[in-house]
Protein backbone atom coordinates (compact mmCIF):
# COMPACT_ATOMS: atom_id res chain seq x y z
CA ALA A 1 4.71 -1.10 23.73
CA GLY A 2 5.26 -0.77 19.85
CA PHE A 3 3.16 1.53 17.70
CA HIS A 4 0.71 -0.81 15.90
CA MET A 5 -1.96 0.30 13.20
CA ALA A 6 -4.66 -2.66 13.12
CA ASP A 7 -6.96 -1.95 10.14
CA PRO A 8 -7.34 -4.53 7.42
CA VAL A 9 -7.80 -2.19 4.66
CA TRP A 10 -4.68 -0.16 5.64
CA ASP A 11 -2.82 -3.60 5.48
CA MET A 12 -3.93 -4.24 2.19
CA LEU A 13 -3.19 -0.78 0.87
CA LEU A 14 0.19 -1.13 2.50
CA ASP A 15 0.82 -4.76 1.07
CA LEU A 16 -0.19 -3.83 -2.38
CA TYR A 17 1.87 -0.60 -2.57
CA LEU A 18 5.21 -2.37 -1.37
CA SER A 19 4.36 -5.37 -3.68
CA GLU A 20 3.85 -2.91 -6.66
CA ARG A 21 7.31 -1.23 -5.96
CA LYS A 22 8.95 -4.59 -5.98
CA GLY A 23 7.06 -5.42 -9.25
CA VAL A 24 5.02 -8.51 -7.77
CA ARG A 25 1.32 -8.98 -8.80
CA VAL A 26 -1.01 -9.27 -5.91
CA SER A 27 -4.36 -11.32 -5.98
CA ILE A 28 -7.40 -10.69 -3.82
CA SER A 29 -6.44 -13.79 -1.82
CA ASP A 30 -3.14 -12.42 -1.29
CA LEU A 31 -4.51 -9.30 0.19
CA ALA A 32 -6.93 -10.97 2.54
CA LEU A 33 -3.82 -12.91 3.84
CA ALA A 34 -1.54 -9.91 4.20
CA ALA A 35 -4.65 -8.25 6.16
CA GLY A 36 -5.05 -11.27 8.32
CA VAL A 37 -8.79 -11.67 7.45
CA PRO A 38 -10.84 -14.51 6.09
CA ARG A 39 -10.73 -14.70 2.16
CA SER A 40 -14.57 -13.63 2.17
CA THR A 41 -13.77 -10.50 4.18
CA GLY A 42 -10.81 -9.52 1.89
CA VAL A 43 -13.12 -10.00 -1.10
CA ARG A 44 -15.70 -7.82 0.19
CA TRP A 45 -13.18 -5.12 1.18
CA VAL A 46 -11.46 -5.27 -1.95
CA GLY A 47 -14.81 -5.06 -3.86
CA ASN A 48 -15.37 -1.71 -1.88
CA LEU A 49 -12.01 -0.52 -2.63
CA ILE A 50 -12.70 -1.32 -6.43
CA GLU A 51 -16.11 0.32 -6.46
CA THR A 52 -14.63 3.59 -4.89
CA GLY A 53 -11.85 3.67 -7.67
CA ALA A 54 -8.95 3.24 -5.22
CA LEU A 55 -7.98 -0.09 -6.80
CA SER A 56 -8.63 -1.78 -10.18
CA SER A 57 -8.80 -5.39 -11.00
CA ALA A 58 -8.18 -7.90 -13.73
CA PRO A 59 -8.76 -11.46 -14.45
CA ASP A 60 -5.58 -13.70 -14.44
CA THR A 61 -5.47 -15.04 -18.13
CA CYS A 62 -3.63 -18.03 -16.85
CA ASP A 63 -6.16 -19.21 -13.98
CA GLY A 64 -9.67 -17.98 -14.10
CA ARG A 65 -10.07 -18.59 -10.31
CA ARG A 66 -7.71 -15.78 -9.67
CA THR A 67 -8.15 -11.95 -9.94
CA TRP A 68 -5.21 -9.51 -9.90
CA VAL A 69 -5.64 -6.21 -8.17
CA GLU A 70 -3.39 -2.92 -8.25
CA LEU A 71 -3.73 0.46 -6.87
CA SER A 72 -5.41 3.39 -8.97
CA PRO A 73 -2.66 6.13 -10.01
CA GLU A 74 -4.60 8.36 -7.47
CA SER A 75 -4.51 5.83 -4.40
CA ARG A 76 -0.66 5.21 -5.60
CA ALA A 77 0.25 9.05 -5.43
CA ALA A 78 -1.80 9.56 -2.21
CA LEU A 79 0.12 6.85 -0.49
CA GLU A 80 3.55 8.30 -1.60
CA ARG A 81 2.35 11.90 -0.43
CA TYR A 82 1.53 10.40 2.98
CA PHE A 83 4.84 8.39 3.30
CA LEU A 84 6.79 11.44 2.53
CA GLU A 85 5.10 13.72 4.81
CA VAL A 86 5.48 11.02 7.57
CA ALA A 87 9.04 11.00 6.75
CA ARG A 88 9.54 14.79 6.70
CA THR A 89 7.66 15.16 10.00
CA PHE A 90 9.92 12.51 11.72
CA ALA A 91 12.92 14.26 10.18
CA ARG A 92 11.84 17.78 11.40
CA ARG A 93 11.22 16.28 15.00
CA GLY A 94 14.23 14.29 15.23
CA GLY A 95 16.43 17.13 14.24
CA THR A 96 18.64 15.22 12.03
CA LEU A 97 17.64 17.63 9.20
CA ARG A 98 17.94 21.31 9.23
CA ASN A 99 15.42 21.60 6.43
CA TRP A 100 12.60 19.18 5.83
CA SER A 101 12.92 19.50 2.03
CA GLN A 102 16.20 17.58 2.33
CA VAL A 103 14.15 14.50 2.60
CA GLU A 104 14.55 12.98 -0.97
CA PRO A 105 11.34 11.50 -2.14
CA ASN A 106 13.13 8.81 -4.07
CA ASN A 107 15.30 7.83 -1.14
CA ILE A 108 12.34 7.52 1.33
CA LEU A 109 10.14 5.30 -1.30
CA ASN A 110 13.08 3.20 -2.42
CA GLY A 111 13.76 2.64 1.43
CA LEU A 112 10.43 1.18 1.81
CA THR A 113 11.10 -1.67 -0.32
CA ALA A 114 14.91 -2.22 0.39
């Protein structure tokens, strides 16, 4: 049995983070699809995330039906801190590094989108 995290908000945040790292814009509908939830549920969750300041939104100037979303700088930084801490924890437990500080942030974060 593999490790699986099943939370639509987590799926949305991960998809948005990875898309932004690749330079790809993401719409609310894209996030709902990535999270595997109905569009109405995705819109509701994204609305909640925008209200809390975790995400920001902007209308698509070419298609008024679409709204682009992106991570707030604080959300992006929090996700990156989380990913780095997870990588460092695995490195310490796996014994592949003698010093957890050898985990280079840019290598880890770039590896996410390779």
